[in-house]
Amino acid sequence: MSQNPEDDERLQELREKKREQLRQQSDQGGDEEARQAAQEQAEAQQEAMLKQYLTDGARQRLNAVEMSKPQFAEQAKKQVLAVAQSGRIDGRIDEDQMKSLLKELKPDDSGFNVRRR
């Protein structure tokens, strides 16, 4: 039972297509791994800079904010790094300075207050 030459060619074409798909998938996987590694490296660099510019109390306060409001904490981190990179920090930011920075970044709460009698 010999196969038809056309069937052999078709089978070869299918194998080539499958190999190409596998190559593309492995390339995309490598790109994803590279992006993830770059993101992890950027986060590590950000943490190192925060350790350099924040006292322990300020870092603890920022971590506490991050637990309850992650987006707000990310905004605060970016602000601290921007201020540090622009050279406007004398020494390190302590807890009181972090409190005032967080108050500045906090949006005005235009909600309402409920008073109980």
Protein backbone atom coordinates (compact mmCIF):
# COMPACT_ATOMS: atom_id res chain seq x y z
CA MET A 1 0.00 0.00 0.00
CA SER A 2 1.92 2.95 -1.21
CA GLN A 3 0.55 6.42 -0.70
CA ASN A 4 -0.19 8.82 -3.43
CA PRO A 5 2.61 11.41 -4.01
CA GLU A 6 0.05 14.19 -3.62
CA ASP A 7 -0.82 12.87 -0.17
CA ASP A 8 2.87 12.87 0.75
CA GLU A 9 3.21 16.51 -0.34
CA ARG A 10 0.09 17.49 1.56
CA LEU A 11 1.34 15.73 4.67
CA GLN A 12 4.70 17.50 4.36
CA GLU A 13 2.94 20.87 4.02
CA LEU A 14 0.88 20.21 7.12
CA ARG A 15 3.99 19.27 9.07
CA GLU A 16 5.74 22.49 7.99
CA LYS A 17 2.74 24.58 9.01
CA LYS A 18 2.64 22.90 12.41
CA ARG A 19 6.39 23.46 12.91
CA GLU A 20 5.97 27.14 12.04
CA GLN A 21 3.10 27.50 14.50
CA LEU A 22 5.17 25.91 17.23
CA ARG A 23 8.10 28.25 16.45
CA GLN A 24 5.82 31.28 16.67
CA GLN A 25 4.35 30.11 19.95
CA SER A 26 7.77 29.59 21.45
CA ASP A 27 8.87 33.02 20.23
CA GLN A 28 5.82 34.64 21.80
CA GLY A 29 6.46 32.80 25.03
CA GLY A 30 9.99 34.15 25.06
CA ASP A 31 8.71 37.67 24.51
CA GLU A 32 6.28 37.28 27.39
CA GLU A 33 9.05 35.99 29.66
CA ALA A 34 11.28 38.91 28.66
CA ARG A 35 8.51 41.40 29.40
CA GLN A 36 7.83 39.80 32.77
CA ALA A 37 11.54 39.82 33.63
CA ALA A 38 11.82 43.47 32.65
CA GLN A 39 8.78 44.34 34.76
CA GLU A 40 10.20 42.49 37.77
CA GLN A 41 13.51 44.28 37.34
CA ALA A 42 11.76 47.67 37.16
CA GLU A 43 9.79 46.88 40.32
CA ALA A 44 12.96 45.81 42.14
CA GLN A 45 14.69 49.03 41.07
CA GLN A 46 11.70 51.07 42.25
CA GLU A 47 11.75 49.33 45.65
CA ALA A 48 15.48 49.94 46.00
CA MET A 49 15.01 53.65 45.30
CA LEU A 50 12.15 53.85 47.79
CA LYS A 51 14.34 52.22 50.44
CA GLN A 52 17.01 54.80 49.68
CA TYR A 53 14.70 57.82 50.00
CA LEU A 54 12.20 56.71 52.68
CA THR A 55 12.74 56.08 56.37
CA ASP A 56 11.38 52.89 57.90
CA GLY A 57 8.34 54.69 59.29
CA ALA A 58 7.52 56.26 55.93
CA ARG A 59 7.85 52.89 54.19
CA GLN A 60 5.57 51.28 56.75
CA ARG A 61 2.97 54.00 56.26
CA LEU A 62 3.17 53.58 52.47
CA ASN A 63 2.82 49.79 52.82
CA ALA A 64 -0.24 50.26 55.04
CA VAL A 65 -1.80 52.52 52.40
CA GLU A 66 -0.93 49.97 49.72
CA MET A 67 -2.88 47.28 51.56
CA SER A 68 -6.08 49.29 51.53
CA LYS A 69 -5.68 51.42 48.39
CA PRO A 70 -3.18 49.92 45.92
CA GLN A 71 -3.78 52.49 43.14
CA PHE A 72 -3.36 55.40 45.52
CA ALA A 73 -0.16 53.87 46.93
CA GLU A 74 1.21 53.42 43.40
CA GLN A 75 0.50 57.08 42.69
CA ALA A 76 2.28 58.04 45.93
CA LYS A 77 5.29 55.90 45.02
CA LYS A 78 5.53 57.55 41.62
CA GLN A 79 5.33 60.97 43.25
CA VAL A 80 8.09 60.13 45.73
CA LEU A 81 10.33 58.83 42.95
CA ALA A 82 9.64 61.89 40.79
CA VAL A 83 10.52 64.23 43.65
CA ALA A 84 13.65 62.20 44.44
CA GLN A 85 14.83 62.11 40.84
CA SER A 86 14.33 65.84 40.45
CA GLY A 87 16.64 66.42 43.43
CA ARG A 88 14.05 68.12 45.65
CA ILE A 89 14.60 65.75 48.58
CA ASP A 90 17.00 66.75 51.33
CA GLY A 91 18.02 63.52 52.99
CA ARG A 92 15.19 61.04 53.43
CA ILE A 93 11.43 61.37 53.68
CA ASP A 94 10.24 60.61 57.20
CA GLU A 95 6.80 59.52 58.36
CA ASP A 96 5.49 63.06 58.93
CA GLN A 97 6.57 64.15 55.46
CA MET A 98 4.92 61.03 54.03
CA LYS A 99 1.68 61.92 55.83
CA SER A 100 1.69 65.39 54.29
CA LEU A 101 2.51 63.97 50.85
CA LEU A 102 -0.38 61.51 51.11
CA LYS A 103 -2.72 64.33 52.18
CA GLU A 104 -1.65 66.37 49.15
CA LEU A 105 -2.26 63.47 46.80
CA LYS A 106 -5.58 62.50 48.36
CA PRO A 107 -8.44 63.79 46.24
CA ASP A 108 -10.89 66.11 47.94
CA ASP A 109 -13.65 64.03 49.39
CA SER A 110 -16.83 65.69 48.26
CA GLY A 111 -18.96 63.09 49.95
CA PHE A 112 -21.38 63.76 52.72
CA ASN A 113 -21.23 63.26 56.45
CA VAL A 114 -23.95 61.55 58.41
CA ARG A 115 -24.41 62.87 61.92
CA ARG A 116 -26.27 60.84 64.48
CA ARG A 117 -28.18 62.50 67.28
